[in-house]
Amino acid sequence: MISITDKEFKQLAEFIKRNYGIHLKEEKKMIVEGRLFQVLQKFNFTNYTDYSHYILADQTENAASELVEKITTNHTFFMREVEHFHFFQQQVLPYLAQTVKSNDLRIWSAGCSTGEEPYTLAMILDEYFGLQKYNWDTKVLATDLSQKVLCAAAKGIYPNETLASLPFKWNQTYFKNNGDGTSEVAAKIKNEVIYRRFNLMESNFPFKKKFHVIFCRNVMIYFDQKTKKELVNKFYNLMEPGGYLFIGQSETIDREAVNFRYVMPAVYRKEVII
């Protein structure tokens, strides 16, 4: 194992924080060493100083992308924090169906990981609108920092046992059993999700229209308070009045520092302008 010095860790942590918003605390040093050891071996680096110089010199940004892949944990599963999906189906969609006159729903899964969240949203939308769905644009934008998880999400193939938490009807309707212990998301649902790589630390968000719903769950656990506040305020400015923000149930935001109104645990709303 190649040890990382305090100075090297600080240098690496500052680069990650500056570019990706991820706040690496001092106690993460051993985890960083363990996760990056194979990367250093692959390029024959004997210390983290040379590795840091390599990242900074790489204009393709592939080295930085690999670094982020290694230090972040892309763990998710179908129906994670299921109360949010129930609220989305039972409260949010009826409101939007009544108030969005353009029939253009704009829903963003920010930090979508391997696709379970945006596919679940797409299935809920399909079930809710039913035969009237052809009248609506219900595509879900799904973004993540990791190209690796985006590729896995786009394939839409999952072990059968991971589908157990989904309604039986959904398993029958929205998945095709591959006969090898996996199932693939049906084309009609795949086509409803648009996957893009996006860094939430970008200074400018390139969206022409505002969103009605933003899911950004279990992403801000990596951020410090200042970064969280800045991101949540960006979400607020990107959201239509009456829109909803969902964050992870283990996450908190300073209600006094943002304009969103608290609705229920980990759900916030931008007030309707009357």
C-alpha atoms as a PDB file:
ATOM      1  CA  MET A   1       0.000   0.000   0.000  1.00  0.00           C
ATOM      2  CA  ILE A   2       1.286   3.471  -0.894  1.00  0.00           C
ATOM      3  CA  SER A   3       0.768   5.875   2.002  1.00  0.00           C
ATOM      4  CA  ILE A   4      -0.584   9.360   1.408  1.00  0.00           C
ATOM      5  CA  THR A   5       1.010  12.182   3.410  1.00  0.00           C
ATOM      6  CA  ASP A   6      -1.045  14.895   5.104  1.00  0.00           C
ATOM      7  CA  LYS A   7       0.159  17.397   2.503  1.00  0.00           C
ATOM      8  CA  GLU A   8      -0.735  15.094  -0.403  1.00  0.00           C
ATOM      9  CA  PHE A   9      -4.157  14.353   1.055  1.00  0.00           C
ATOM     10  CA  LYS A  10      -4.853  18.065   1.505  1.00  0.00           C
ATOM     11  CA  GLN A  11      -3.800  18.780  -2.083  1.00  0.00           C
ATOM     12  CA  LEU A  12      -6.010  16.016  -3.458  1.00  0.00           C
ATOM     13  CA  ALA A  13      -8.930  16.951  -1.230  1.00  0.00           C
ATOM     14  CA  GLU A  14      -8.742  20.601  -2.303  1.00  0.00           C
ATOM     15  CA  PHE A  15      -8.796  19.592  -5.978  1.00  0.00           C
ATOM     16  CA  ILE A  16     -11.838  17.367  -5.448  1.00  0.00           C
ATOM     17  CA  LYS A  17     -13.679  20.007  -3.415  1.00  0.00           C
ATOM     18  CA  ARG A  18     -12.932  22.763  -5.923  1.00  0.00           C
ATOM     19  CA  ASN A  19     -14.044  20.776  -8.961  1.00  0.00           C
ATOM     20  CA  TYR A  20     -16.733  18.423  -7.670  1.00  0.00           C
ATOM     21  CA  GLY A  21     -17.940  19.859  -4.367  1.00  0.00           C
ATOM     22  CA  ILE A  22     -17.061  16.660  -2.506  1.00  0.00           C
ATOM     23  CA  HIS A  23     -15.741  17.350   0.974  1.00  0.00           C
ATOM     24  CA  LEU A  24     -13.173  14.755   2.051  1.00  0.00           C
ATOM     25  CA  LYS A  25     -12.602  14.828   5.786  1.00  0.00           C
ATOM     26  CA  GLU A  26      -9.277  13.907   7.385  1.00  0.00           C
ATOM     27  CA  GLU A  27     -10.648  10.582   8.599  1.00  0.00           C
ATOM     28  CA  LYS A  28     -11.149   9.505   4.963  1.00  0.00           C
ATOM     29  CA  LYS A  29      -7.406   9.209   4.336  1.00  0.00           C
ATOM     30  CA  MET A  30      -7.281   5.433   4.730  1.00  0.00           C
ATOM     31  CA  ILE A  31     -10.325   4.991   2.493  1.00  0.00           C
ATOM     32  CA  VAL A  32      -8.687   7.165  -0.177  1.00  0.00           C
ATOM     33  CA  GLU A  33      -5.497   5.105   0.048  1.00  0.00           C
ATOM     34  CA  GLY A  34      -7.418   1.856  -0.337  1.00  0.00           C
ATOM     35  CA  ARG A  35      -9.513   3.005  -3.271  1.00  0.00           C
ATOM     36  CA  LEU A  36      -6.690   4.646  -5.223  1.00  0.00           C
ATOM     37  CA  PHE A  37      -3.977   2.053  -4.665  1.00  0.00           C
ATOM     38  CA  GLN A  38      -4.729   0.150  -7.871  1.00  0.00           C
ATOM     39  CA  VAL A  39      -4.838   3.383  -9.876  1.00  0.00           C
ATOM     40  CA  LEU A  40      -1.352   4.335  -8.703  1.00  0.00           C
ATOM     41  CA  GLN A  41      -0.125   0.833  -9.478  1.00  0.00           C
ATOM     42  CA  LYS A  42      -1.624   0.939 -12.969  1.00  0.00           C
ATOM     43  CA  PHE A  43       0.367   4.064 -13.844  1.00  0.00           C
ATOM     44  CA  ASN A  44       3.480   3.071 -11.855  1.00  0.00           C
ATOM     45  CA  PHE A  45       3.227   6.017  -9.468  1.00  0.00           C
ATOM     46  CA  THR A  46       5.117   5.620  -6.201  1.00  0.00           C
ATOM     47  CA  ASN A  47       3.557   8.634  -4.465  1.00  0.00           C
ATOM     48  CA  TYR A  48       0.432  10.783  -4.526  1.00  0.00           C
ATOM     49  CA  THR A  49       2.271  13.959  -5.488  1.00  0.00           C
ATOM     50  CA  ASP A  50       3.116  12.563  -8.924  1.00  0.00           C
ATOM     51  CA  TYR A  51      -0.437  11.256  -9.244  1.00  0.00           C
ATOM     52  CA  SER A  52      -1.857  14.718  -8.466  1.00  0.00           C
ATOM     53  CA  HIS A  53       0.424  16.295 -11.075  1.00  0.00           C
ATOM     54  CA  TYR A  54      -0.788  13.707 -13.590  1.00  0.00           C
ATOM     55  CA  ILE A  55      -4.423  14.613 -12.920  1.00  0.00           C
ATOM     56  CA  LEU A  56      -3.757  18.339 -13.288  1.00  0.00           C
ATOM     57  CA  ALA A  57      -1.844  17.836 -16.541  1.00  0.00           C
ATOM     58  CA  ASP A  58      -4.456  15.599 -18.168  1.00  0.00           C
ATOM     59  CA  GLN A  59      -6.462  17.853 -20.488  1.00  0.00           C
ATOM     60  CA  THR A  60      -8.853  15.037 -21.409  1.00  0.00           C
ATOM     61  CA  GLU A  61     -10.117  14.999 -17.784  1.00  0.00           C
ATOM     62  CA  ASN A  62     -10.156  11.205 -17.935  1.00  0.00           C
ATOM     63  CA  ALA A  63      -7.781  11.004 -14.970  1.00  0.00           C
ATOM     64  CA  ALA A  64     -10.000  13.269 -12.884  1.00  0.00           C
ATOM     65  CA  SER A  65     -13.066  11.240 -13.879  1.00  0.00           C
ATOM     66  CA  GLU A  66     -11.366   8.035 -12.766  1.00  0.00           C
ATOM     67  CA  LEU A  67     -10.460   9.685  -9.457  1.00  0.00           C
ATOM     68  CA  VAL A  68     -14.089  10.627  -8.819  1.00  0.00           C
ATOM     69  CA  GLU A  69     -15.252   7.125  -9.775  1.00  0.00           C
ATOM     70  CA  LYS A  70     -12.970   5.678  -7.118  1.00  0.00           C
ATOM     71  CA  ILE A  71     -13.779   7.987  -4.205  1.00  0.00           C
ATOM     72  CA  THR A  72     -17.559   8.140  -4.575  1.00  0.00           C
ATOM     73  CA  THR A  73     -20.012   5.398  -3.639  1.00  0.00           C
ATOM     74  CA  ASN A  74     -22.761   4.804  -6.185  1.00  0.00           C
ATOM     75  CA  HIS A  75     -25.110   2.758  -4.048  1.00  0.00           C
ATOM     76  CA  THR A  76     -28.810   2.762  -4.779  1.00  0.00           C
ATOM     77  CA  PHE A  77     -31.712   0.370  -5.263  1.00  0.00           C
ATOM     78  CA  PHE A  78     -35.283   0.292  -6.512  1.00  0.00           C
ATOM     79  CA  MET A  79     -37.856   2.007  -4.285  1.00  0.00           C
ATOM     80  CA  ARG A  80     -35.187   3.482  -2.008  1.00  0.00           C
ATOM     81  CA  GLU A  81     -36.960   5.787   0.477  1.00  0.00           C
ATOM     82  CA  VAL A  82     -40.264   4.552  -0.885  1.00  0.00           C
ATOM     83  CA  GLU A  83     -42.310   7.266   0.872  1.00  0.00           C
ATOM     84  CA  HIS A  84     -40.988   9.754  -1.659  1.00  0.00           C
ATOM     85  CA  PHE A  85     -42.339   7.771  -4.586  1.00  0.00           C
ATOM     86  CA  HIS A  86     -45.733   7.414  -2.920  1.00  0.00           C
ATOM     87  CA  PHE A  87     -45.859  11.169  -2.305  1.00  0.00           C
ATOM     88  CA  PHE A  88     -44.784  11.858  -5.887  1.00  0.00           C
ATOM     89  CA  GLN A  89     -47.543   9.604  -7.240  1.00  0.00           C
ATOM     90  CA  GLN A  90     -50.330  10.567  -4.840  1.00  0.00           C
ATOM     91  CA  GLN A  91     -49.703  14.283  -4.259  1.00  0.00           C
ATOM     92  CA  VAL A  92     -47.263  15.763  -6.760  1.00  0.00           C
ATOM     93  CA  LEU A  93     -48.569  14.258 -10.005  1.00  0.00           C
ATOM     94  CA  PRO A  94     -52.246  15.138  -9.401  1.00  0.00           C
ATOM     95  CA  TYR A  95     -51.179  18.732  -8.702  1.00  0.00           C
ATOM     96  CA  LEU A  96     -49.015  18.919 -11.821  1.00  0.00           C
ATOM     97  CA  ALA A  97     -51.669  17.262 -13.998  1.00  0.00           C
ATOM     98  CA  GLN A  98     -54.071  20.030 -13.011  1.00  0.00           C
ATOM     99  CA  THR A  99     -51.728  23.008 -13.191  1.00  0.00           C
ATOM    100  CA  VAL A 100     -49.204  22.397 -16.000  1.00  0.00           C
ATOM    101  CA  LYS A 101     -51.123  23.797 -18.957  1.00  0.00           C
ATOM    102  CA  SER A 102     -48.386  23.097 -21.498  1.00  0.00           C
ATOM    103  CA  ASN A 103     -48.538  19.338 -20.737  1.00  0.00           C
ATOM    104  CA  ASP A 104     -44.739  19.472 -20.577  1.00  0.00           C
ATOM    105  CA  LEU A 105     -43.552  17.949 -17.296  1.00  0.00           C
ATOM    106  CA  ARG A 106     -39.919  18.642 -16.468  1.00  0.00           C
ATOM    107  CA  ILE A 107     -38.494  16.204 -13.942  1.00  0.00           C
ATOM    108  CA  TRP A 108     -34.798  15.903 -13.091  1.00  0.00           C
ATOM    109  CA  SER A 109     -33.086  13.010 -11.320  1.00  0.00           C
ATOM    110  CA  ALA A 110     -29.798  14.652 -10.291  1.00  0.00           C
ATOM    111  CA  GLY A 111     -27.261  12.073  -9.166  1.00  0.00           C
ATOM    112  CA  CYS A 112     -29.159   9.239 -10.815  1.00  0.00           C
ATOM    113  CA  SER A 113     -26.456   6.586 -10.248  1.00  0.00           C
ATOM    114  CA  THR A 114     -27.281   3.291 -11.999  1.00  0.00           C
ATOM    115  CA  GLY A 115     -30.780   4.332 -13.040  1.00  0.00           C
ATOM    116  CA  GLU A 116     -33.123   2.819 -10.469  1.00  0.00           C
ATOM    117  CA  GLU A 117     -34.539   6.204  -9.449  1.00  0.00           C
ATOM    118  CA  PRO A 118     -35.296   7.688 -12.902  1.00  0.00           C
ATOM    119  CA  TYR A 119     -36.714   4.394 -14.172  1.00  0.00           C
ATOM    120  CA  THR A 120     -38.996   4.231 -11.137  1.00  0.00           C
ATOM    121  CA  LEU A 121     -40.189   7.779 -11.850  1.00  0.00           C
ATOM    122  CA  ALA A 122     -40.798   6.848 -15.498  1.00  0.00           C
ATOM    123  CA  MET A 123     -42.849   3.805 -14.466  1.00  0.00           C
ATOM    124  CA  ILE A 124     -44.923   5.887 -12.050  1.00  0.00           C
ATOM    125  CA  LEU A 125     -45.564   8.445 -14.783  1.00  0.00           C
ATOM    126  CA  ASP A 126     -46.579   5.752 -17.256  1.00  0.00           C
ATOM    127  CA  GLU A 127     -48.975   4.159 -14.788  1.00  0.00           C
ATOM    128  CA  TYR A 128     -50.452   7.467 -13.637  1.00  0.00           C
ATOM    129  CA  PHE A 129     -51.216   8.933 -17.056  1.00  0.00           C
ATOM    130  CA  GLY A 130     -52.141   5.649 -18.716  1.00  0.00           C
ATOM    131  CA  LEU A 131     -53.875   6.157 -22.041  1.00  0.00           C
ATOM    132  CA  GLN A 132     -53.585   9.946 -21.687  1.00  0.00           C
ATOM    133  CA  LYS A 133     -49.794   9.789 -21.661  1.00  0.00           C
ATOM    134  CA  TYR A 134     -49.547  10.502 -25.387  1.00  0.00           C
ATOM    135  CA  ASN A 135     -50.831  14.024 -24.600  1.00  0.00           C
ATOM    136  CA  TRP A 136     -47.912  14.706 -22.262  1.00  0.00           C
ATOM    137  CA  ASP A 137     -44.165  15.111 -22.471  1.00  0.00           C
ATOM    138  CA  THR A 138     -43.087  13.119 -19.426  1.00  0.00           C
ATOM    139  CA  LYS A 139     -39.439  12.408 -20.156  1.00  0.00           C
ATOM    140  CA  VAL A 140     -37.152  12.314 -17.128  1.00  0.00           C
ATOM    141  CA  LEU A 141     -33.723  13.968 -17.271  1.00  0.00           C
ATOM    142  CA  ALA A 142     -31.192  11.819 -15.382  1.00  0.00           C
ATOM    143  CA  THR A 143     -27.682  13.110 -14.716  1.00  0.00           C
ATOM    144  CA  ASP A 144     -24.639  11.925 -12.835  1.00  0.00           C
ATOM    145  CA  LEU A 145     -20.981  12.804 -12.490  1.00  0.00           C
ATOM    146  CA  SER A 146     -19.899   9.239 -13.224  1.00  0.00           C
ATOM    147  CA  GLN A 147     -19.842   8.092 -16.848  1.00  0.00           C
ATOM    148  CA  LYS A 148     -19.487   4.518 -15.645  1.00  0.00           C
ATOM    149  CA  VAL A 149     -22.822   4.470 -13.807  1.00  0.00           C
ATOM    150  CA  LEU A 150     -24.530   6.353 -16.637  1.00  0.00           C
ATOM    151  CA  CYS A 151     -23.508   3.603 -19.071  1.00  0.00           C
ATOM    152  CA  ALA A 152     -24.880   0.967 -16.691  1.00  0.00           C
ATOM    153  CA  ALA A 153     -28.101   2.942 -16.269  1.00  0.00           C
ATOM    154  CA  ALA A 154     -28.615   3.316 -20.003  1.00  0.00           C
ATOM    155  CA  LYS A 155     -28.351  -0.471 -20.437  1.00  0.00           C
ATOM    156  CA  GLY A 156     -31.122  -0.918 -17.865  1.00  0.00           C
ATOM    157  CA  ILE A 157     -30.208  -4.487 -16.905  1.00  0.00           C
ATOM    158  CA  TYR A 158     -30.637  -5.538 -13.265  1.00  0.00           C
ATOM    159  CA  PRO A 159     -30.403  -8.776 -11.250  1.00  0.00           C
ATOM    160  CA  ASN A 160     -33.874 -10.241 -10.799  1.00  0.00           C
ATOM    161  CA  GLU A 161     -33.586 -10.228  -7.021  1.00  0.00           C
ATOM    162  CA  THR A 162     -33.223  -6.423  -7.029  1.00  0.00           C
ATOM    163  CA  LEU A 163     -36.697  -6.111  -8.558  1.00  0.00           C
ATOM    164  CA  ALA A 164     -38.424  -7.757  -5.594  1.00  0.00           C
ATOM    165  CA  SER A 165     -39.382  -4.414  -4.045  1.00  0.00           C
ATOM    166  CA  LEU A 166     -41.278  -3.348  -7.163  1.00  0.00           C
ATOM    167  CA  PRO A 167     -44.995  -4.044  -7.647  1.00  0.00           C
ATOM    168  CA  PHE A 168     -45.600  -7.409  -9.333  1.00  0.00           C
ATOM    169  CA  LYS A 169     -47.498  -5.663 -12.138  1.00  0.00           C
ATOM    170  CA  TRP A 170     -44.471  -3.506 -12.906  1.00  0.00           C
ATOM    171  CA  ASN A 171     -42.218  -6.543 -13.133  1.00  0.00           C
ATOM    172  CA  GLN A 172     -44.582  -8.041 -15.665  1.00  0.00           C
ATOM    173  CA  THR A 173     -45.195  -4.847 -17.646  1.00  0.00           C
ATOM    174  CA  TYR A 174     -41.977  -2.883 -17.579  1.00  0.00           C
ATOM    175  CA  PHE A 175     -39.241  -5.552 -17.611  1.00  0.00           C
ATOM    176  CA  LYS A 176     -38.142  -8.331 -19.928  1.00  0.00           C
ATOM    177  CA  ASN A 177     -36.660 -11.392 -18.234  1.00  0.00           C
ATOM    178  CA  ASN A 178     -33.385 -12.303 -19.933  1.00  0.00           C
ATOM    179  CA  GLY A 179     -33.400 -15.877 -18.640  1.00  0.00           C
ATOM    180  CA  ASP A 180     -29.953 -15.498 -17.079  1.00  0.00           C
ATOM    181  CA  GLY A 181     -30.931 -14.134 -13.690  1.00  0.00           C
ATOM    182  CA  THR A 182     -31.329 -10.592 -14.996  1.00  0.00           C
ATOM    183  CA  SER A 183     -34.116  -8.491 -16.437  1.00  0.00           C
ATOM    184  CA  GLU A 184     -34.005  -5.495 -18.764  1.00  0.00           C
ATOM    185  CA  VAL A 185     -36.109  -2.353 -18.575  1.00  0.00           C
ATOM    186  CA  ALA A 186     -38.682  -2.282 -21.374  1.00  0.00           C
ATOM    187  CA  ALA A 187     -37.972   0.028 -24.309  1.00  0.00           C
ATOM    188  CA  LYS A 188     -41.077   2.126 -23.610  1.00  0.00           C
ATOM    189  CA  ILE A 189     -39.603   3.077 -20.213  1.00  0.00           C
ATOM    190  CA  LYS A 190     -35.984   3.372 -21.396  1.00  0.00           C
ATOM    191  CA  ASN A 191     -37.123   5.845 -24.021  1.00  0.00           C
ATOM    192  CA  GLU A 192     -38.633   8.028 -21.302  1.00  0.00           C
ATOM    193  CA  VAL A 193     -35.290   8.671 -19.574  1.00  0.00           C
ATOM    194  CA  ILE A 194     -32.576  10.944 -20.974  1.00  0.00           C
ATOM    195  CA  TYR A 195     -29.124  10.267 -19.496  1.00  0.00           C
ATOM    196  CA  ARG A 196     -26.457  12.975 -19.439  1.00  0.00           C
ATOM    197  CA  ARG A 197     -23.170  13.471 -17.605  1.00  0.00           C
ATOM    198  CA  PHE A 198     -23.360  16.625 -15.504  1.00  0.00           C
ATOM    199  CA  ASN A 199     -21.322  18.137 -12.686  1.00  0.00           C
ATOM    200  CA  LEU A 200     -23.532  19.861 -10.106  1.00  0.00           C
ATOM    201  CA  MET A 201     -20.635  22.204  -9.349  1.00  0.00           C
ATOM    202  CA  GLU A 202     -20.852  23.853 -12.776  1.00  0.00           C
ATOM    203  CA  SER A 203     -21.163  27.617 -12.358  1.00  0.00           C
ATOM    204  CA  ASN A 204     -23.913  27.803 -14.967  1.00  0.00           C
ATOM    205  CA  PHE A 205     -26.675  25.246 -15.366  1.00  0.00           C
ATOM    206  CA  PRO A 206     -27.507  24.999 -19.095  1.00  0.00           C
ATOM    207  CA  PHE A 207     -31.254  24.421 -18.779  1.00  0.00           C
ATOM    208  CA  LYS A 208     -33.566  26.574 -20.884  1.00  0.00           C
ATOM    209  CA  LYS A 209     -36.730  25.718 -18.974  1.00  0.00           C
ATOM    210  CA  LYS A 210     -37.411  25.381 -15.276  1.00  0.00           C
ATOM    211  CA  PHE A 211     -38.223  22.096 -13.567  1.00  0.00           C
ATOM    212  CA  HIS A 212     -41.398  21.008 -11.816  1.00  0.00           C
ATOM    213  CA  VAL A 213     -39.662  18.303  -9.750  1.00  0.00           C
ATOM    214  CA  ILE A 214     -36.029  17.725  -8.795  1.00  0.00           C
ATOM    215  CA  PHE A 215     -34.834  14.548  -7.102  1.00  0.00           C
ATOM    216  CA  CYS A 216     -31.337  15.029  -5.650  1.00  0.00           C
ATOM    217  CA  ARG A 217     -31.183  12.308  -3.040  1.00  0.00           C
ATOM    218  CA  ASN A 218     -28.146  11.053  -1.151  1.00  0.00           C
ATOM    219  CA  VAL A 219     -25.841  13.286  -3.173  1.00  0.00           C
ATOM    220  CA  MET A 220     -25.334  16.193  -0.788  1.00  0.00           C
ATOM    221  CA  ILE A 221     -24.027  13.892   1.937  1.00  0.00           C
ATOM    222  CA  TYR A 222     -20.646  14.493   0.278  1.00  0.00           C
ATOM    223  CA  PHE A 223     -20.924  18.300   0.504  1.00  0.00           C
ATOM    224  CA  ASP A 224     -20.186  20.792   3.275  1.00  0.00           C
ATOM    225  CA  GLN A 225     -22.847  23.251   4.450  1.00  0.00           C
ATOM    226  CA  LYS A 226     -21.753  26.085   2.164  1.00  0.00           C
ATOM    227  CA  THR A 227     -21.785  23.882  -0.936  1.00  0.00           C
ATOM    228  CA  LYS A 228     -25.187  22.434  -0.010  1.00  0.00           C
ATOM    229  CA  LYS A 229     -26.674  25.892   0.486  1.00  0.00           C
ATOM    230  CA  GLU A 230     -25.355  27.115  -2.868  1.00  0.00           C
ATOM    231  CA  LEU A 231     -26.660  24.042  -4.709  1.00  0.00           C
ATOM    232  CA  VAL A 232     -30.104  24.153  -3.096  1.00  0.00           C
ATOM    233  CA  ASN A 233     -30.415  27.827  -4.008  1.00  0.00           C
ATOM    234  CA  LYS A 234     -29.520  26.932  -7.604  1.00  0.00           C
ATOM    235  CA  PHE A 235     -32.258  24.321  -7.547  1.00  0.00           C
ATOM    236  CA  TYR A 236     -34.680  26.936  -6.239  1.00  0.00           C
ATOM    237  CA  ASN A 237     -33.873  29.315  -9.078  1.00  0.00           C
ATOM    238  CA  LEU A 238     -34.268  26.458 -11.578  1.00  0.00           C
ATOM    239  CA  MET A 239     -37.695  25.446 -10.337  1.00  0.00           C
ATOM    240  CA  GLU A 240     -41.190  26.462 -11.351  1.00  0.00           C
ATOM    241  CA  PRO A 241     -43.358  27.940  -8.577  1.00  0.00           C
ATOM    242  CA  GLY A 242     -45.141  25.087  -6.829  1.00  0.00           C
ATOM    243  CA  GLY A 243     -42.342  22.667  -7.740  1.00  0.00           C
ATOM    244  CA  TYR A 244     -40.905  20.044  -5.397  1.00  0.00           C
ATOM    245  CA  LEU A 245     -37.374  19.191  -4.304  1.00  0.00           C
ATOM    246  CA  PHE A 246     -36.652  15.717  -2.904  1.00  0.00           C
ATOM    247  CA  ILE A 247     -33.411  15.119  -0.995  1.00  0.00           C
ATOM    248  CA  GLY A 248     -32.148  12.044   0.849  1.00  0.00           C
ATOM    249  CA  GLN A 249     -33.757  11.244   4.199  1.00  0.00           C
ATOM    250  CA  SER A 250     -30.330  11.185   5.848  1.00  0.00           C
ATOM    251  CA  GLU A 251     -29.593  14.669   4.495  1.00  0.00           C
ATOM    252  CA  THR A 252     -30.456  18.050   5.960  1.00  0.00           C
ATOM    253  CA  ILE A 253     -30.558  21.586   4.659  1.00  0.00           C
ATOM    254  CA  ASP A 254     -30.646  24.784   6.670  1.00  0.00           C
ATOM    255  CA  ARG A 255     -34.253  25.913   6.314  1.00  0.00           C
ATOM    256  CA  GLU A 256     -33.329  29.435   7.430  1.00  0.00           C
ATOM    257  CA  ALA A 257     -30.768  29.765   4.634  1.00  0.00           C
ATOM    258  CA  VAL A 258     -32.974  28.713   1.697  1.00  0.00           C
ATOM    259  CA  ASN A 259     -36.341  29.780   0.318  1.00  0.00           C
ATOM    260  CA  PHE A 260     -37.880  26.338  -0.017  1.00  0.00           C
ATOM    261  CA  ARG A 261     -40.782  25.490   2.295  1.00  0.00           C
ATOM    262  CA  TYR A 262     -40.546  22.251   4.271  1.00  0.00           C
ATOM    263  CA  VAL A 263     -43.313  19.786   3.325  1.00  0.00           C
ATOM    264  CA  MET A 264     -42.341  16.467   4.929  1.00  0.00           C
ATOM    265  CA  PRO A 265     -39.063  14.707   5.778  1.00  0.00           C
ATOM    266  CA  ALA A 266     -36.644  15.379   2.893  1.00  0.00           C
ATOM    267  CA  VAL A 267     -39.309  17.066   0.712  1.00  0.00           C
ATOM    268  CA  TYR A 268     -39.372  20.813   0.049  1.00  0.00           C
ATOM    269  CA  ARG A 269     -41.482  23.070  -2.134  1.00  0.00           C
ATOM    270  CA  LYS A 270     -41.116  26.364  -3.928  1.00  0.00           C
ATOM    271  CA  GLU A 271     -44.122  28.446  -2.962  1.00  0.00           C
ATOM    272  CA  VAL A 272     -46.779  29.176  -5.556  1.00  0.00           C
ATOM    273  CA  ILE A 273     -46.883  32.842  -6.530  1.00  0.00           C
ATOM    274  CA  ILE A 274     -50.420  34.212  -6.231  1.00  0.00           C
END
